[in-house]
């Protein structure tokens, strides 16, 4: 199994910054894509930013220019630097990772989610 543990959420004033981290652990062979999603009350979960293993990053239009996603492959960790936060960024933020993990007979794919971390931006 692959576990994802997020950290870094909290309460911040509008215009402030937060940095989220998500560390993956377990029987990981390789991680392809990692990403951050968020879900606000009464809304569907949406992609915030994604970063594949070797390609370009992808951002939701609403966060372009304010958020930056990065990853440390040696640590199996993905980060989300959030600047110029707005009240509409308030949500539970979830980390996602997809890749291959080791099993007794070889490798199998995984698509894992973290438990979520609350980000609240006060106006």
N, C-alpha and C. Protein backbone atom coordinates (compact mmCIF):
# COMPACT_ATOMS: atom_id res chain seq x y z
N UNK A 1 0.83 -1.19 0.00
CA UNK A 1 0.00 0.00 0.00
C UNK A 1 0.88 1.25 0.00
N UNK A 2 0.30 2.33 -0.48
CA UNK A 2 1.00 3.62 -0.50
C UNK A 2 0.19 4.61 0.33
N UNK A 3 0.86 5.26 1.26
CA UNK A 3 0.19 6.25 2.11
C UNK A 3 0.70 7.65 1.78
N UNK A 4 -0.22 8.59 1.83
CA UNK A 4 0.13 10.00 1.61
C UNK A 4 -0.25 10.78 2.87
N UNK A 5 0.67 11.58 3.35
CA UNK A 5 0.42 12.38 4.55
C UNK A 5 0.68 13.84 4.21
N UNK A 6 -0.38 14.65 4.36
CA UNK A 6 -0.28 16.08 4.07
C UNK A 6 0.01 16.86 5.34
N UNK A 7 0.59 18.03 5.17
CA UNK A 7 0.81 18.95 6.29
C UNK A 7 0.91 20.36 5.74
N UNK A 8 0.74 21.34 6.64
CA UNK A 8 0.95 22.72 6.26
C UNK A 8 -0.30 23.57 6.14
N UNK A 9 -1.47 22.96 6.30
CA UNK A 9 -2.68 23.76 6.22
C UNK A 9 -2.84 24.64 7.44
N UNK A 10 -3.86 25.49 7.41
CA UNK A 10 -4.11 26.36 8.55
C UNK A 10 -4.96 27.55 8.19
N UNK A 11 -4.98 28.52 9.09
CA UNK A 11 -5.75 29.75 8.92
C UNK A 11 -4.79 30.88 8.57
N UNK A 12 -5.14 31.62 7.54
CA UNK A 12 -4.30 32.72 7.09
C UNK A 12 -5.19 33.86 6.60
N UNK A 13 -4.70 35.06 6.71
CA UNK A 13 -5.46 36.21 6.22
C UNK A 13 -5.32 36.32 4.70
N UNK A 14 -6.30 36.93 4.10
CA UNK A 14 -6.24 37.17 2.66
C UNK A 14 -4.97 37.93 2.31
N UNK A 15 -4.34 37.49 1.22
CA UNK A 15 -3.07 38.07 0.82
C UNK A 15 -1.87 37.35 1.38
N UNK A 16 -2.10 36.46 2.31
CA UNK A 16 -1.01 35.72 2.95
C UNK A 16 -0.58 34.51 2.15
N UNK A 17 0.31 33.73 2.75
CA UNK A 17 0.89 32.57 2.08
C UNK A 17 0.87 31.35 2.98
N UNK A 18 0.82 30.20 2.35
CA UNK A 18 0.95 28.92 3.03
C UNK A 18 1.71 27.97 2.12
N UNK A 19 2.37 26.99 2.74
CA UNK A 19 3.05 25.96 1.97
C UNK A 19 2.58 24.60 2.44
N UNK A 20 2.01 23.84 1.52
CA UNK A 20 1.55 22.49 1.82
C UNK A 20 2.61 21.47 1.39
N UNK A 21 2.71 20.40 2.17
CA UNK A 21 3.61 19.31 1.84
C UNK A 21 2.84 18.00 1.86
N UNK A 22 3.28 17.07 1.05
CA UNK A 22 2.66 15.75 1.02
C UNK A 22 3.74 14.72 0.77
N UNK A 23 3.92 13.83 1.73
CA UNK A 23 4.95 12.80 1.64
C UNK A 23 4.31 11.44 1.40
N UNK A 24 4.81 10.74 0.41
CA UNK A 24 4.32 9.40 0.09
C UNK A 24 5.27 8.35 0.68
N UNK A 25 4.68 7.28 1.19
CA UNK A 25 5.50 6.21 1.76
C UNK A 25 4.83 4.87 1.50
N UNK A 26 5.60 3.80 1.66
CA UNK A 26 5.07 2.46 1.43
C UNK A 26 5.90 1.73 0.39
N UNK A 27 5.29 0.77 -0.24
CA UNK A 27 6.01 -0.08 -1.19
C UNK A 27 6.05 0.56 -2.58
N UNK A 28 6.65 1.74 -2.63
CA UNK A 28 6.68 2.51 -3.88
C UNK A 28 7.81 2.05 -4.78
N UNK A 29 7.49 1.78 -6.02
CA UNK A 29 8.52 1.51 -7.03
C UNK A 29 8.83 2.78 -7.81
N UNK A 30 7.78 3.48 -8.23
CA UNK A 30 7.96 4.74 -8.93
C UNK A 30 6.68 5.56 -8.81
N UNK A 31 6.83 6.88 -8.84
CA UNK A 31 5.68 7.78 -8.83
C UNK A 31 5.67 8.55 -10.14
N UNK A 32 4.60 8.47 -10.85
CA UNK A 32 4.46 9.21 -12.10
C UNK A 32 3.94 10.60 -11.81
N UNK A 33 2.67 10.75 -11.68
CA UNK A 33 2.09 12.07 -11.44
C UNK A 33 1.78 12.28 -9.97
N UNK A 34 1.97 13.52 -9.54
CA UNK A 34 1.54 13.95 -8.21
C UNK A 34 0.75 15.23 -8.39
N UNK A 35 -0.22 15.44 -7.52
CA UNK A 35 -1.04 16.62 -7.69
C UNK A 35 -1.75 17.03 -6.42
N UNK A 36 -2.31 18.21 -6.49
CA UNK A 36 -3.12 18.75 -5.39
C UNK A 36 -4.52 19.05 -5.91
N UNK A 37 -5.50 18.65 -5.13
CA UNK A 37 -6.90 18.92 -5.42
C UNK A 37 -7.48 19.64 -4.20
N UNK A 38 -8.63 20.25 -4.40
CA UNK A 38 -9.30 20.88 -3.26
C UNK A 38 -10.81 20.73 -3.39
N UNK A 39 -11.44 20.76 -2.24
CA UNK A 39 -12.90 20.65 -2.20
C UNK A 39 -13.44 21.63 -1.18
N UNK A 40 -14.22 22.56 -1.66
CA UNK A 40 -14.87 23.54 -0.80
C UNK A 40 -16.25 23.01 -0.41
N UNK A 41 -16.81 23.49 0.68
CA UNK A 41 -18.13 23.00 1.11
C UNK A 41 -19.18 23.17 0.02
N UNK A 42 -19.89 22.10 -0.25
CA UNK A 42 -20.94 22.13 -1.26
C UNK A 42 -20.48 22.08 -2.69
N UNK A 43 -19.18 21.92 -2.89
CA UNK A 43 -18.64 21.89 -4.25
C UNK A 43 -17.92 20.58 -4.52
N UNK A 44 -17.72 20.30 -5.80
CA UNK A 44 -16.99 19.09 -6.17
C UNK A 44 -15.48 19.29 -6.01
N UNK A 45 -14.80 18.19 -5.85
CA UNK A 45 -13.35 18.24 -5.77
C UNK A 45 -12.81 18.69 -7.13
N UNK A 46 -11.83 19.59 -7.11
CA UNK A 46 -11.26 20.11 -8.34
C UNK A 46 -9.74 20.06 -8.31
N UNK A 47 -9.16 19.92 -9.49
CA UNK A 47 -7.70 19.93 -9.60
C UNK A 47 -7.17 21.34 -9.37
N UNK A 48 -6.17 21.44 -8.53
CA UNK A 48 -5.49 22.71 -8.30
C UNK A 48 -4.21 22.78 -9.13
N UNK A 49 -3.39 21.75 -9.01
CA UNK A 49 -2.11 21.72 -9.73
C UNK A 49 -1.61 20.29 -9.81
N UNK A 50 -0.91 19.98 -10.88
CA UNK A 50 -0.37 18.65 -11.07
C UNK A 50 1.04 18.75 -11.63
N UNK A 51 1.86 17.75 -11.29
CA UNK A 51 3.23 17.73 -11.78
C UNK A 51 3.60 16.29 -12.10
N UNK A 52 3.81 15.97 -13.37
CA UNK A 52 4.22 14.62 -13.75
C UNK A 52 5.70 14.42 -13.45
N UNK A 53 6.17 13.22 -13.66
CA UNK A 53 7.54 12.90 -13.29
C UNK A 53 8.56 13.66 -14.13
N UNK A 54 8.22 13.93 -15.37
CA UNK A 54 9.22 14.60 -16.19
C UNK A 54 8.68 15.64 -17.14
N UNK A 55 7.46 16.04 -16.95
CA UNK A 55 6.88 17.00 -17.87
C UNK A 55 6.55 18.32 -17.23
N UNK A 56 5.78 19.10 -17.92
CA UNK A 56 5.44 20.43 -17.45
C UNK A 56 4.32 20.38 -16.43
N UNK A 57 4.25 21.39 -15.60
CA UNK A 57 3.21 21.47 -14.58
C UNK A 57 1.90 21.95 -15.19
N UNK A 58 0.84 21.72 -14.45
CA UNK A 58 -0.50 22.09 -14.90
C UNK A 58 -1.24 22.75 -13.74
N UNK A 59 -1.88 23.89 -13.98
CA UNK A 59 -2.56 24.63 -12.92
C UNK A 59 -4.00 24.95 -13.34
N UNK A 60 -4.86 25.01 -12.35
CA UNK A 60 -6.19 25.55 -12.57
C UNK A 60 -6.05 27.04 -12.88
N UNK A 61 -6.91 27.54 -13.73
CA UNK A 61 -6.84 28.95 -14.11
C UNK A 61 -6.93 29.87 -12.89
N UNK A 62 -7.69 29.45 -11.91
CA UNK A 62 -7.93 30.30 -10.75
C UNK A 62 -6.70 30.48 -9.87
N UNK A 63 -5.69 29.64 -10.04
CA UNK A 63 -4.50 29.74 -9.17
C UNK A 63 -3.24 30.08 -9.95
N UNK A 64 -3.33 30.18 -11.25
CA UNK A 64 -2.15 30.49 -12.05
C UNK A 64 -1.54 31.82 -11.62
N UNK A 65 -0.22 31.82 -11.47
CA UNK A 65 0.47 33.02 -11.06
C UNK A 65 0.53 33.22 -9.56
N UNK A 66 -0.25 32.43 -8.81
CA UNK A 66 -0.26 32.56 -7.35
C UNK A 66 0.28 31.30 -6.66
N UNK A 67 0.01 30.14 -7.22
CA UNK A 67 0.42 28.87 -6.63
C UNK A 67 1.55 28.26 -7.46
N UNK A 68 2.43 27.55 -6.77
CA UNK A 68 3.52 26.84 -7.43
C UNK A 68 3.63 25.44 -6.88
N UNK A 69 3.58 24.45 -7.77
CA UNK A 69 3.74 23.06 -7.35
C UNK A 69 5.16 22.61 -7.67
N UNK A 70 5.72 21.82 -6.78
CA UNK A 70 7.05 21.27 -7.00
C UNK A 70 7.14 19.91 -6.33
N UNK A 71 8.17 19.15 -6.68
CA UNK A 71 8.31 17.83 -6.06
C UNK A 71 9.77 17.50 -5.83
N UNK A 72 10.01 16.69 -4.81
CA UNK A 72 11.34 16.17 -4.50
C UNK A 72 11.25 14.67 -4.69
N UNK A 73 11.74 14.18 -5.81
CA UNK A 73 11.60 12.76 -6.13
C UNK A 73 12.36 11.87 -5.15
N UNK A 74 13.46 12.37 -4.62
CA UNK A 74 14.25 11.58 -3.67
C UNK A 74 13.48 11.34 -2.37
N UNK A 75 12.59 12.27 -2.05
CA UNK A 75 11.81 12.17 -0.82
C UNK A 75 10.37 11.75 -1.07
N UNK A 76 10.02 11.51 -2.33
CA UNK A 76 8.63 11.17 -2.69
C UNK A 76 7.66 12.19 -2.10
N UNK A 77 8.00 13.44 -2.24
CA UNK A 77 7.23 14.52 -1.63
C UNK A 77 6.86 15.56 -2.67
N UNK A 78 5.64 16.06 -2.55
CA UNK A 78 5.17 17.13 -3.41
C UNK A 78 4.78 18.32 -2.53
N UNK A 79 5.02 19.50 -3.05
CA UNK A 79 4.76 20.74 -2.31
C UNK A 79 3.80 21.63 -3.11
N UNK A 80 3.08 22.48 -2.39
CA UNK A 80 2.25 23.49 -3.03
C UNK A 80 2.48 24.80 -2.29
N UNK A 81 3.17 25.71 -2.95
CA UNK A 81 3.40 27.04 -2.40
C UNK A 81 2.23 27.92 -2.84
N UNK A 82 1.52 28.48 -1.86
CA UNK A 82 0.33 29.27 -2.16
C UNK A 82 0.55 30.70 -1.69
N UNK A 83 0.52 31.63 -2.62
CA UNK A 83 0.71 33.04 -2.31
C UNK A 83 -0.52 33.84 -2.70
N UNK A 84 -0.60 35.06 -2.19
CA UNK A 84 -1.74 35.95 -2.50
C UNK A 84 -3.06 35.22 -2.32
N UNK A 85 -3.20 34.55 -1.20
CA UNK A 85 -4.39 33.75 -0.95
C UNK A 85 -5.64 34.59 -0.88
N UNK A 86 -6.74 34.02 -1.39
CA UNK A 86 -8.03 34.68 -1.41
C UNK A 86 -9.02 33.85 -0.61
N UNK A 87 -10.12 34.47 -0.22
CA UNK A 87 -11.13 33.74 0.56
C UNK A 87 -11.67 32.56 -0.24
N UNK A 88 -11.71 32.70 -1.55
CA UNK A 88 -12.22 31.60 -2.37
C UNK A 88 -11.27 30.41 -2.47
N UNK A 89 -10.07 30.56 -1.93
CA UNK A 89 -9.15 29.42 -1.86
C UNK A 89 -9.44 28.53 -0.65
N UNK A 90 -10.35 28.95 0.21
CA UNK A 90 -10.71 28.16 1.38
C UNK A 90 -11.30 26.82 0.95
N UNK A 91 -10.70 25.75 1.44
CA UNK A 91 -11.13 24.40 1.06
C UNK A 91 -10.29 23.38 1.82
N UNK A 92 -10.69 22.13 1.71
CA UNK A 92 -9.82 21.04 2.13
C UNK A 92 -8.96 20.65 0.93
N UNK A 93 -7.67 20.62 1.13
CA UNK A 93 -6.73 20.31 0.07
C UNK A 93 -6.26 18.87 0.20
N UNK A 94 -6.34 18.13 -0.91
CA UNK A 94 -5.97 16.73 -0.93
C UNK A 94 -4.79 16.51 -1.87
N UNK A 95 -3.91 15.65 -1.44
CA UNK A 95 -2.77 15.25 -2.26
C UNK A 95 -3.11 13.94 -2.98
N UNK A 96 -2.64 13.81 -4.20
CA UNK A 96 -2.84 12.58 -4.98
C UNK A 96 -1.53 12.15 -5.61
N UNK A 97 -1.31 10.85 -5.65
CA UNK A 97 -0.12 10.31 -6.32
C UNK A 97 -0.49 9.06 -7.09
N UNK A 98 0.10 8.91 -8.25
CA UNK A 98 -0.15 7.74 -9.10
C UNK A 98 1.20 7.17 -9.53
N UNK A 99 1.27 5.87 -9.54
CA UNK A 99 2.53 5.25 -9.96
C UNK A 99 2.47 3.75 -9.87
N UNK A 100 3.62 3.15 -9.60
CA UNK A 100 3.73 1.70 -9.48
C UNK A 100 4.23 1.33 -8.09
N UNK A 101 3.68 0.28 -7.53
CA UNK A 101 4.14 -0.20 -6.22
C UNK A 101 4.50 -1.67 -6.31
N UNK A 102 5.33 -2.10 -5.38
CA UNK A 102 5.78 -3.48 -5.35
C UNK A 102 4.74 -4.36 -4.66
N UNK A 103 4.50 -5.51 -5.26
CA UNK A 103 3.69 -6.55 -4.64
C UNK A 103 4.49 -7.85 -4.74
N UNK A 104 3.99 -8.89 -4.12
CA UNK A 104 4.75 -10.14 -4.02
C UNK A 104 5.10 -10.73 -5.37
N UNK A 105 4.25 -10.49 -6.37
CA UNK A 105 4.48 -11.10 -7.68
C UNK A 105 5.04 -10.11 -8.68
N UNK A 106 5.42 -8.92 -8.24
CA UNK A 106 5.98 -7.94 -9.17
C UNK A 106 5.55 -6.53 -8.85
N UNK A 107 4.91 -5.86 -9.83
CA UNK A 107 4.49 -4.47 -9.69
C UNK A 107 3.02 -4.34 -10.03
N UNK A 108 2.39 -3.36 -9.41
CA UNK A 108 1.02 -3.03 -9.75
C UNK A 108 0.86 -1.53 -9.61
N UNK A 109 -0.14 -0.98 -10.28
CA UNK A 109 -0.34 0.46 -10.23
C UNK A 109 -1.03 0.88 -8.94
N UNK A 110 -0.87 2.13 -8.57
CA UNK A 110 -1.60 2.69 -7.44
C UNK A 110 -2.06 4.10 -7.77
N UNK A 111 -3.11 4.49 -7.11
CA UNK A 111 -3.69 5.82 -7.22
C UNK A 111 -4.17 6.17 -5.82
N UNK A 112 -3.35 6.89 -5.08
CA UNK A 112 -3.59 7.10 -3.66
C UNK A 112 -3.91 8.56 -3.34
N UNK A 113 -4.69 8.72 -2.25
CA UNK A 113 -5.08 10.05 -1.79
C UNK A 113 -4.66 10.24 -0.34
N UNK A 114 -4.35 11.46 0.00
CA UNK A 114 -4.11 11.81 1.38
C UNK A 114 -5.43 12.06 2.10
N UNK A 115 -5.33 12.33 3.39
CA UNK A 115 -6.54 12.51 4.20
C UNK A 115 -7.11 13.91 4.10
N UNK A 116 -6.33 14.82 3.55
CA UNK A 116 -6.80 16.20 3.40
C UNK A 116 -6.29 17.11 4.50
N UNK A 117 -6.07 18.36 4.15
CA UNK A 117 -5.66 19.36 5.12
C UNK A 117 -6.46 20.64 4.86
N UNK A 118 -6.98 21.21 5.93
CA UNK A 118 -7.85 22.38 5.80
C UNK A 118 -7.05 23.66 5.60
N UNK A 119 -7.46 24.42 4.60
CA UNK A 119 -6.90 25.76 4.37
C UNK A 119 -8.05 26.75 4.48
N UNK A 120 -7.93 27.69 5.39
CA UNK A 120 -8.97 28.69 5.59
C UNK A 120 -8.35 30.08 5.43
N UNK A 121 -8.92 30.85 4.52
CA UNK A 121 -8.44 32.20 4.25
C UNK A 121 -9.49 33.19 4.72
N UNK A 122 -9.13 34.01 5.66
CA UNK A 122 -10.08 34.99 6.20
C UNK A 122 -9.93 36.32 5.46
N UNK A 123 -11.06 36.93 5.20
CA UNK A 123 -11.03 38.19 4.44
C UNK A 123 -11.10 39.39 5.37
